[in-house]
Amino acid sequence: MNICLFTNEEINKPLDARDERAIHLNRVLHKNEGDTFSAGIIGGQAGTATITKAVEVPNPKTGKNDVQYEFSFKGESDGKPLFPLIMIIGFPRPIQLKRLLRDVAALGACEVHLTGTELGEKSYMQSTLVERGAAYQMLLDGTVQAASTHVPELFLHSSLKECLESISENDIKITLDNIRPKGSLEALMRGVEKLSENQKVVAAIGSERGWTDKERELLREKGFKICSMGSRVMRTETAATVSASIILSKLGFLN
């Protein structure tokens, strides 16, 4: 954990000894009364927590003592606001989805839209990982990795058509595709000098077998420019993280 995140309600309460954050503070960071650690409020400020009390509690399962912590929190920054990048992603395999959500959150995308596609495996959408609680935890893990406090919003859509109805006409829209691309993502982003107020970049990545011709036409109609990242075919999770990195770099957010 690069930061311990709490809700507004939790930030003023003792941290239970069985909580994974308390276990991390105890067993990994070896924190005691008087020590400090990086902390933040989800969706709010980041800062420093000072441990005011540490009480050992026996754990009969492990035979070791866990520690319950009481602490005070001081906000010091805005917690690294998210970047104006929206990711539309065709449902990948559940094991890929875990890594994908963590990495996209760590990079700082502001929204993630998971969508069903015509060639995507329908059973992936029924996975317990796409339930809001489990998927949100993956996004939270990525946010902690980035030492941020702001978690990307997550949206689930049954089809690409439904998904695109939620995208603003004012945004810059890009879709990755190895079939008849009009240029490279890097070249396209070189032409984007600066985003206007409230404008975002939307990057759409298909599921494992890509887009159908019908979906490509739908994307064109909605103003998406079709581009590629070279001739190599990437996994959905790889394409998502690489494209997000290129876009954010070209916009100057990774300087």
C-alpha atoms as a PDB file:
ATOM      1  CA  MET A   1       0.000   0.000   0.000  1.00  0.00           C
ATOM      2  CA  ASN A   2       1.414   3.379  -1.033  1.00  0.00           C
ATOM      3  CA  ILE A   3      -1.440   5.124   0.791  1.00  0.00           C
ATOM      4  CA  CYS A   4      -4.143   3.953   3.206  1.00  0.00           C
ATOM      5  CA  LEU A   5      -7.527   5.141   2.002  1.00  0.00           C
ATOM      6  CA  PHE A   6     -10.590   5.695   4.160  1.00  0.00           C
ATOM      7  CA  THR A   7     -14.142   6.870   3.647  1.00  0.00           C
ATOM      8  CA  ASN A   8     -15.279  10.076   5.345  1.00  0.00           C
ATOM      9  CA  GLU A   9     -16.907   7.962   8.044  1.00  0.00           C
ATOM     10  CA  GLU A  10     -13.852   5.769   8.649  1.00  0.00           C
ATOM     11  CA  ILE A  11     -11.312   8.581   8.954  1.00  0.00           C
ATOM     12  CA  ASN A  12     -12.512   9.441  12.468  1.00  0.00           C
ATOM     13  CA  LYS A  13     -12.892   5.891  13.774  1.00  0.00           C
ATOM     14  CA  PRO A  14     -10.410   3.314  15.175  1.00  0.00           C
ATOM     15  CA  LEU A  15      -9.008   0.899  12.600  1.00  0.00           C
ATOM     16  CA  ASP A  16     -10.071  -2.653  13.481  1.00  0.00           C
ATOM     17  CA  ALA A  17      -7.195  -5.089  14.020  1.00  0.00           C
ATOM     18  CA  ARG A  18      -8.626  -7.475  11.397  1.00  0.00           C
ATOM     19  CA  ASP A  19      -8.846  -4.790   8.719  1.00  0.00           C
ATOM     20  CA  GLU A  20      -6.312  -5.358   5.925  1.00  0.00           C
ATOM     21  CA  ARG A  21      -5.067  -1.788   6.353  1.00  0.00           C
ATOM     22  CA  ALA A  22      -4.322  -2.402  10.036  1.00  0.00           C
ATOM     23  CA  ILE A  23      -2.633  -5.703   9.178  1.00  0.00           C
ATOM     24  CA  HIS A  24      -0.467  -3.898   6.606  1.00  0.00           C
ATOM     25  CA  LEU A  25       0.468  -1.179   9.095  1.00  0.00           C
ATOM     26  CA  ASN A  26       1.365  -3.804  11.672  1.00  0.00           C
ATOM     27  CA  ARG A  27       3.045  -6.639   9.784  1.00  0.00           C
ATOM     28  CA  VAL A  28       4.560  -4.822   6.810  1.00  0.00           C
ATOM     29  CA  LEU A  29       5.218  -1.271   7.988  1.00  0.00           C
ATOM     30  CA  HIS A  30       5.639  -2.157  11.691  1.00  0.00           C
ATOM     31  CA  LYS A  31       3.895   1.024  12.813  1.00  0.00           C
ATOM     32  CA  ASN A  32       3.521   1.864  16.508  1.00  0.00           C
ATOM     33  CA  GLU A  33       2.053   4.647  18.608  1.00  0.00           C
ATOM     34  CA  GLY A  34       3.504   8.007  17.565  1.00  0.00           C
ATOM     35  CA  ASP A  35       4.406   6.849  14.041  1.00  0.00           C
ATOM     36  CA  THR A  36       2.911   8.369  10.894  1.00  0.00           C
ATOM     37  CA  PHE A  37       1.720   6.924   7.588  1.00  0.00           C
ATOM     38  CA  SER A  38       0.349   8.212   4.278  1.00  0.00           C
ATOM     39  CA  ALA A  39      -3.435   8.345   4.314  1.00  0.00           C
ATOM     40  CA  GLY A  40      -6.309   9.886   2.432  1.00  0.00           C
ATOM     41  CA  ILE A  41     -10.054  10.210   2.098  1.00  0.00           C
ATOM     42  CA  ILE A  42     -11.563   8.463  -0.928  1.00  0.00           C
ATOM     43  CA  GLY A  43     -12.533  11.197  -3.348  1.00  0.00           C
ATOM     44  CA  GLY A  44     -10.914  13.843  -1.137  1.00  0.00           C
ATOM     45  CA  GLN A  45      -7.672  14.960   0.411  1.00  0.00           C
ATOM     46  CA  ALA A  46      -4.428  13.066   0.875  1.00  0.00           C
ATOM     47  CA  GLY A  47      -2.211  13.697   3.856  1.00  0.00           C
ATOM     48  CA  THR A  48      -0.577  12.228   6.936  1.00  0.00           C
ATOM     49  CA  ALA A  49      -2.097  10.101   9.689  1.00  0.00           C
ATOM     50  CA  THR A  50      -0.479  10.027  13.118  1.00  0.00           C
ATOM     51  CA  ILE A  51      -1.072   6.957  15.277  1.00  0.00           C
ATOM     52  CA  THR A  52      -2.376   8.058  18.663  1.00  0.00           C
ATOM     53  CA  LYS A  53      -2.978   4.594  20.104  1.00  0.00           C
ATOM     54  CA  ALA A  54      -1.964   1.029  19.189  1.00  0.00           C
ATOM     55  CA  VAL A  55      -3.517  -1.888  21.078  1.00  0.00           C
ATOM     56  CA  GLU A  56      -2.455  -5.500  20.496  1.00  0.00           C
ATOM     57  CA  VAL A  57      -5.297  -7.982  19.946  1.00  0.00           C
ATOM     58  CA  PRO A  58      -4.664 -11.793  19.907  1.00  0.00           C
ATOM     59  CA  ASN A  59      -5.536 -13.540  16.641  1.00  0.00           C
ATOM     60  CA  PRO A  60      -6.477 -17.199  17.420  1.00  0.00           C
ATOM     61  CA  LYS A  61      -6.262 -18.164  13.732  1.00  0.00           C
ATOM     62  CA  THR A  62      -2.641 -17.125  13.262  1.00  0.00           C
ATOM     63  CA  GLY A  63      -1.385 -17.329  16.840  1.00  0.00           C
ATOM     64  CA  LYS A  64      -0.003 -13.808  16.403  1.00  0.00           C
ATOM     65  CA  ASN A  65      -1.107 -10.465  17.750  1.00  0.00           C
ATOM     66  CA  ASP A  66      -2.860  -8.036  15.447  1.00  0.00           C
ATOM     67  CA  VAL A  67      -3.061  -4.345  16.301  1.00  0.00           C
ATOM     68  CA  GLN A  68      -6.008  -1.990  16.518  1.00  0.00           C
ATOM     69  CA  TYR A  69      -5.019   1.577  15.646  1.00  0.00           C
ATOM     70  CA  GLU A  70      -6.422   4.947  16.536  1.00  0.00           C
ATOM     71  CA  PHE A  71      -5.089   7.880  14.551  1.00  0.00           C
ATOM     72  CA  SER A  72      -5.538  11.536  13.657  1.00  0.00           C
ATOM     73  CA  PHE A  73      -5.541  12.690  10.043  1.00  0.00           C
ATOM     74  CA  LYS A  74      -4.232  15.926   8.538  1.00  0.00           C
ATOM     75  CA  GLY A  75      -5.102  16.704   4.910  1.00  0.00           C
ATOM     76  CA  GLU A  76      -2.237  18.176   2.898  1.00  0.00           C
ATOM     77  CA  SER A  77      -3.156  17.960  -0.807  1.00  0.00           C
ATOM     78  CA  ASP A  78      -6.010  17.341  -3.220  1.00  0.00           C
ATOM     79  CA  GLY A  79      -4.949  13.720  -3.669  1.00  0.00           C
ATOM     80  CA  LYS A  80      -3.896  13.710  -7.349  1.00  0.00           C
ATOM     81  CA  PRO A  81      -7.048  14.474  -9.390  1.00  0.00           C
ATOM     82  CA  LEU A  82      -7.882  12.098 -12.232  1.00  0.00           C
ATOM     83  CA  PHE A  83      -6.996  12.897 -15.837  1.00  0.00           C
ATOM     84  CA  PRO A  84      -9.551  13.706 -18.584  1.00  0.00           C
ATOM     85  CA  LEU A  85      -9.345  10.239 -20.117  1.00  0.00           C
ATOM     86  CA  ILE A  86     -12.313   7.904 -20.575  1.00  0.00           C
ATOM     87  CA  MET A  87     -11.625   4.255 -21.402  1.00  0.00           C
ATOM     88  CA  ILE A  88     -14.227   2.153 -23.230  1.00  0.00           C
ATOM     89  CA  ILE A  89     -13.231  -1.504 -23.042  1.00  0.00           C
ATOM     90  CA  GLY A  90     -14.859  -4.604 -24.447  1.00  0.00           C
ATOM     91  CA  PHE A  91     -15.258  -7.157 -21.645  1.00  0.00           C
ATOM     92  CA  PRO A  92     -12.017  -9.176 -21.398  1.00  0.00           C
ATOM     93  CA  ARG A  93     -11.409 -12.453 -19.594  1.00  0.00           C
ATOM     94  CA  PRO A  94     -11.949 -12.059 -15.828  1.00  0.00           C
ATOM     95  CA  ILE A  95      -8.268 -12.657 -15.028  1.00  0.00           C
ATOM     96  CA  GLN A  96      -7.341  -9.884 -17.486  1.00  0.00           C
ATOM     97  CA  LEU A  97     -10.017  -7.602 -16.087  1.00  0.00           C
ATOM     98  CA  LYS A  98      -8.377  -7.628 -12.653  1.00  0.00           C
ATOM     99  CA  ARG A  99      -5.058  -6.366 -13.982  1.00  0.00           C
ATOM    100  CA  LEU A 100      -6.683  -3.997 -16.448  1.00  0.00           C
ATOM    101  CA  LEU A 101      -8.782  -2.170 -13.862  1.00  0.00           C
ATOM    102  CA  ARG A 102      -5.843  -1.832 -11.486  1.00  0.00           C
ATOM    103  CA  ASP A 103      -3.538  -0.450 -14.193  1.00  0.00           C
ATOM    104  CA  VAL A 104      -6.072   1.974 -15.695  1.00  0.00           C
ATOM    105  CA  ALA A 105      -6.843   3.322 -12.219  1.00  0.00           C
ATOM    106  CA  ALA A 106      -3.136   3.669 -11.426  1.00  0.00           C
ATOM    107  CA  LEU A 107      -2.652   5.653 -14.650  1.00  0.00           C
ATOM    108  CA  GLY A 108      -5.426   8.047 -13.621  1.00  0.00           C
ATOM    109  CA  ALA A 109      -8.257   7.588 -16.128  1.00  0.00           C
ATOM    110  CA  CYS A 110     -11.394   9.316 -14.868  1.00  0.00           C
ATOM    111  CA  GLU A 111     -13.951   6.813 -16.210  1.00  0.00           C
ATOM    112  CA  VAL A 112     -13.961   3.155 -17.241  1.00  0.00           C
ATOM    113  CA  HIS A 113     -16.829   1.844 -19.365  1.00  0.00           C
ATOM    114  CA  LEU A 114     -16.962  -1.949 -19.669  1.00  0.00           C
ATOM    115  CA  THR A 115     -19.156  -2.969 -22.574  1.00  0.00           C
ATOM    116  CA  GLY A 116     -20.445  -6.066 -24.247  1.00  0.00           C
ATOM    117  CA  THR A 117     -19.405  -6.457 -27.889  1.00  0.00           C
ATOM    118  CA  GLU A 118     -20.654  -8.562 -30.772  1.00  0.00           C
ATOM    119  CA  LEU A 119     -17.560 -10.792 -30.783  1.00  0.00           C
ATOM    120  CA  GLY A 120     -16.955 -10.752 -27.036  1.00  0.00           C
ATOM    121  CA  GLU A 121     -17.609 -13.822 -24.915  1.00  0.00           C
ATOM    122  CA  LYS A 122     -21.010 -13.236 -23.310  1.00  0.00           C
ATOM    123  CA  SER A 123     -20.178 -15.275 -20.205  1.00  0.00           C
ATOM    124  CA  TYR A 124     -17.479 -12.756 -19.214  1.00  0.00           C
ATOM    125  CA  MET A 125     -20.217 -10.221 -18.485  1.00  0.00           C
ATOM    126  CA  GLN A 126     -21.733 -12.641 -15.961  1.00  0.00           C
ATOM    127  CA  SER A 127     -18.503 -13.016 -13.994  1.00  0.00           C
ATOM    128  CA  THR A 128     -18.667 -12.093 -10.316  1.00  0.00           C
ATOM    129  CA  LEU A 129     -15.666  -9.856 -10.961  1.00  0.00           C
ATOM    130  CA  VAL A 130     -17.813  -7.412 -12.907  1.00  0.00           C
ATOM    131  CA  GLU A 131     -20.174  -6.954 -10.013  1.00  0.00           C
ATOM    132  CA  ARG A 132     -19.735  -3.412  -8.803  1.00  0.00           C
ATOM    133  CA  GLY A 133     -18.182  -4.372  -5.465  1.00  0.00           C
ATOM    134  CA  ALA A 134     -15.466  -6.625  -6.877  1.00  0.00           C
ATOM    135  CA  ALA A 135     -14.637  -4.407  -9.849  1.00  0.00           C
ATOM    136  CA  TYR A 136     -14.570  -1.324  -7.632  1.00  0.00           C
ATOM    137  CA  GLN A 137     -12.038  -3.046  -5.374  1.00  0.00           C
ATOM    138  CA  MET A 138      -9.723  -3.516  -8.361  1.00  0.00           C
ATOM    139  CA  LEU A 139     -10.017   0.200  -9.168  1.00  0.00           C
ATOM    140  CA  LEU A 140      -9.382   1.027  -5.518  1.00  0.00           C
ATOM    141  CA  ASP A 141      -6.258  -1.166  -5.521  1.00  0.00           C
ATOM    142  CA  GLY A 142      -4.928   0.764  -8.535  1.00  0.00           C
ATOM    143  CA  THR A 143      -5.687   4.062  -6.841  1.00  0.00           C
ATOM    144  CA  VAL A 144      -3.742   2.954  -3.748  1.00  0.00           C
ATOM    145  CA  GLN A 145      -0.861   1.870  -5.983  1.00  0.00           C
ATOM    146  CA  ALA A 146      -0.744   5.388  -7.452  1.00  0.00           C
ATOM    147  CA  ALA A 147      -0.847   6.945  -3.956  1.00  0.00           C
ATOM    148  CA  SER A 148      -3.972   8.800  -5.048  1.00  0.00           C
ATOM    149  CA  THR A 149      -7.364   9.278  -3.417  1.00  0.00           C
ATOM    150  CA  HIS A 150      -9.573   9.558  -6.502  1.00  0.00           C
ATOM    151  CA  VAL A 151     -11.091   6.356  -7.892  1.00  0.00           C
ATOM    152  CA  PRO A 152     -12.261   6.227 -11.535  1.00  0.00           C
ATOM    153  CA  GLU A 153     -16.001   5.911 -12.089  1.00  0.00           C
ATOM    154  CA  LEU A 154     -17.085   2.519 -13.398  1.00  0.00           C
ATOM    155  CA  PHE A 155     -19.944   1.966 -15.858  1.00  0.00           C
ATOM    156  CA  LEU A 156     -21.275  -1.327 -17.243  1.00  0.00           C
ATOM    157  CA  HIS A 157     -23.041  -1.565 -20.623  1.00  0.00           C
ATOM    158  CA  SER A 158     -24.635  -4.506 -22.384  1.00  0.00           C
ATOM    159  CA  SER A 159     -23.709  -3.265 -25.875  1.00  0.00           C
ATOM    160  CA  LEU A 160     -21.437  -0.772 -27.625  1.00  0.00           C
ATOM    161  CA  LYS A 161     -24.442   1.167 -28.883  1.00  0.00           C
ATOM    162  CA  GLU A 162     -25.709   1.642 -25.334  1.00  0.00           C
ATOM    163  CA  CYS A 163     -22.246   2.631 -24.181  1.00  0.00           C
ATOM    164  CA  LEU A 164     -21.718   5.301 -26.836  1.00  0.00           C
ATOM    165  CA  GLU A 165     -24.950   7.041 -25.917  1.00  0.00           C
ATOM    166  CA  SER A 166     -23.264   8.184 -22.693  1.00  0.00           C
ATOM    167  CA  ILE A 167     -20.302   9.861 -24.447  1.00  0.00           C
ATOM    168  CA  SER A 168     -20.258  13.627 -25.025  1.00  0.00           C
ATOM    169  CA  GLU A 169     -20.131  14.876 -28.619  1.00  0.00           C
ATOM    170  CA  ASN A 170     -17.535  17.444 -27.536  1.00  0.00           C
ATOM    171  CA  ASP A 171     -14.940  14.828 -26.545  1.00  0.00           C
ATOM    172  CA  ILE A 172     -12.021  13.682 -28.714  1.00  0.00           C
ATOM    173  CA  LYS A 173     -12.838  10.101 -29.691  1.00  0.00           C
ATOM    174  CA  ILE A 174     -10.353   7.400 -30.652  1.00  0.00           C
ATOM    175  CA  THR A 175     -10.738   3.682 -31.265  1.00  0.00           C
ATOM    176  CA  LEU A 176      -7.946   1.168 -31.707  1.00  0.00           C
ATOM    177  CA  ASP A 177      -8.238  -1.299 -34.561  1.00  0.00           C
ATOM    178  CA  ASN A 178      -5.776  -3.216 -36.731  1.00  0.00           C
ATOM    179  CA  ILE A 179      -8.314  -3.460 -39.555  1.00  0.00           C
ATOM    180  CA  ARG A 180      -8.046  -0.482 -41.929  1.00  0.00           C
ATOM    181  CA  PRO A 181      -6.762   2.100 -39.425  1.00  0.00           C
ATOM    182  CA  LYS A 182      -6.406   5.686 -40.642  1.00  0.00           C
ATOM    183  CA  GLY A 183      -3.049   6.189 -38.941  1.00  0.00           C
ATOM    184  CA  SER A 184      -1.248   5.645 -35.669  1.00  0.00           C
ATOM    185  CA  LEU A 185      -2.434   6.660 -32.225  1.00  0.00           C
ATOM    186  CA  GLU A 186       0.786   8.564 -31.652  1.00  0.00           C
ATOM    187  CA  ALA A 187       0.384  10.586 -34.864  1.00  0.00           C
ATOM    188  CA  LEU A 188      -3.239  11.329 -34.058  1.00  0.00           C
ATOM    189  CA  MET A 189      -2.351  12.564 -30.578  1.00  0.00           C
ATOM    190  CA  ARG A 190       0.351  14.848 -31.982  1.00  0.00           C
ATOM    191  CA  GLY A 191      -2.483  16.795 -33.564  1.00  0.00           C
ATOM    192  CA  VAL A 192      -4.183  17.371 -30.223  1.00  0.00           C
ATOM    193  CA  GLU A 193      -2.513  20.490 -28.868  1.00  0.00           C
ATOM    194  CA  LYS A 194      -4.724  21.155 -25.877  1.00  0.00           C
ATOM    195  CA  LEU A 195      -8.074  20.062 -24.502  1.00  0.00           C
ATOM    196  CA  SER A 196     -10.737  22.690 -24.091  1.00  0.00           C
ATOM    197  CA  GLU A 197     -12.548  23.152 -20.781  1.00  0.00           C
ATOM    198  CA  ASN A 198     -14.540  20.040 -19.785  1.00  0.00           C
ATOM    199  CA  GLN A 199     -13.272  18.174 -22.882  1.00  0.00           C
ATOM    200  CA  LYS A 200     -11.941  14.640 -22.530  1.00  0.00           C
ATOM    201  CA  VAL A 201     -10.248  12.010 -24.677  1.00  0.00           C
ATOM    202  CA  VAL A 202     -12.258   8.830 -25.137  1.00  0.00           C
ATOM    203  CA  ALA A 203     -10.314   5.691 -26.108  1.00  0.00           C
ATOM    204  CA  ALA A 204     -12.277   2.600 -27.170  1.00  0.00           C
ATOM    205  CA  ILE A 205     -10.622  -0.837 -27.154  1.00  0.00           C
ATOM    206  CA  GLY A 206     -12.490  -3.912 -28.339  1.00  0.00           C
ATOM    207  CA  SER A 207     -12.648  -7.312 -26.683  1.00  0.00           C
ATOM    208  CA  GLU A 208     -10.342 -10.212 -27.598  1.00  0.00           C
ATOM    209  CA  ARG A 209     -11.616 -10.673 -31.158  1.00  0.00           C
ATOM    210  CA  GLY A 210     -11.931  -6.966 -31.874  1.00  0.00           C
ATOM    211  CA  TRP A 211     -14.736  -4.980 -33.473  1.00  0.00           C
ATOM    212  CA  THR A 212     -17.181  -6.133 -36.131  1.00  0.00           C
ATOM    213  CA  ASP A 213     -17.782  -4.066 -39.284  1.00  0.00           C
ATOM    214  CA  LYS A 214     -21.116  -3.014 -37.799  1.00  0.00           C
ATOM    215  CA  GLU A 215     -19.396  -1.742 -34.652  1.00  0.00           C
ATOM    216  CA  ARG A 216     -16.725   0.043 -36.691  1.00  0.00           C
ATOM    217  CA  GLU A 217     -19.436   1.858 -38.613  1.00  0.00           C
ATOM    218  CA  LEU A 218     -21.197   2.779 -35.376  1.00  0.00           C
ATOM    219  CA  LEU A 219     -17.952   4.172 -33.969  1.00  0.00           C
ATOM    220  CA  ARG A 220     -17.392   6.227 -37.149  1.00  0.00           C
ATOM    221  CA  GLU A 221     -20.909   7.612 -36.958  1.00  0.00           C
ATOM    222  CA  LYS A 222     -20.243   8.727 -33.397  1.00  0.00           C
ATOM    223  CA  GLY A 223     -17.093  10.575 -34.442  1.00  0.00           C
ATOM    224  CA  PHE A 224     -14.421   8.064 -33.451  1.00  0.00           C
ATOM    225  CA  LYS A 225     -11.169   8.109 -35.427  1.00  0.00           C
ATOM    226  CA  ILE A 226      -9.820   4.629 -36.103  1.00  0.00           C
ATOM    227  CA  CYS A 227      -6.102   4.220 -35.431  1.00  0.00           C
ATOM    228  CA  SER A 228      -3.570   1.577 -34.472  1.00  0.00           C
ATOM    229  CA  MET A 229      -0.452   1.075 -32.364  1.00  0.00           C
ATOM    230  CA  GLY A 230       1.445  -0.822 -35.041  1.00  0.00           C
ATOM    231  CA  SER A 231       0.899  -4.187 -36.679  1.00  0.00           C
ATOM    232  CA  ARG A 232       1.209  -6.350 -33.576  1.00  0.00           C
ATOM    233  CA  VAL A 233      -2.000  -7.681 -32.062  1.00  0.00           C
ATOM    234  CA  MET A 234      -2.192  -7.049 -28.321  1.00  0.00           C
ATOM    235  CA  ARG A 235      -4.332  -8.414 -25.543  1.00  0.00           C
ATOM    236  CA  THR A 236      -7.164  -6.128 -24.494  1.00  0.00           C
ATOM    237  CA  GLU A 237      -5.472  -5.359 -21.160  1.00  0.00           C
ATOM    238  CA  THR A 238      -2.162  -4.541 -22.878  1.00  0.00           C
ATOM    239  CA  ALA A 239      -3.808  -2.339 -25.500  1.00  0.00           C
ATOM    240  CA  ALA A 240      -5.698  -0.467 -22.778  1.00  0.00           C
ATOM    241  CA  THR A 241      -2.658   0.344 -20.639  1.00  0.00           C
ATOM    242  CA  VAL A 242      -0.355   1.145 -23.575  1.00  0.00           C
ATOM    243  CA  SER A 243      -2.897   3.401 -25.300  1.00  0.00           C
ATOM    244  CA  ALA A 244      -3.714   5.192 -22.049  1.00  0.00           C
ATOM    245  CA  SER A 245       0.008   5.791 -21.474  1.00  0.00           C
ATOM    246  CA  ILE A 246       0.507   7.212 -24.989  1.00  0.00           C
ATOM    247  CA  ILE A 247      -2.520   9.497 -24.718  1.00  0.00           C
ATOM    248  CA  LEU A 248      -1.606  10.831 -21.284  1.00  0.00           C
ATOM    249  CA  SER A 249       2.007  11.334 -22.329  1.00  0.00           C
ATOM    250  CA  LYS A 250       1.047  13.278 -25.467  1.00  0.00           C
ATOM    251  CA  LEU A 251      -1.277  15.468 -23.387  1.00  0.00           C
ATOM    252  CA  GLY A 252       1.596  16.270 -21.027  1.00  0.00           C
ATOM    253  CA  PHE A 253       0.163  14.550 -17.955  1.00  0.00           C
ATOM    254  CA  LEU A 254       3.139  12.197 -17.530  1.00  0.00           C
ATOM    255  CA  ASN A 255       5.821  14.895 -17.612  1.00  0.00           C
END
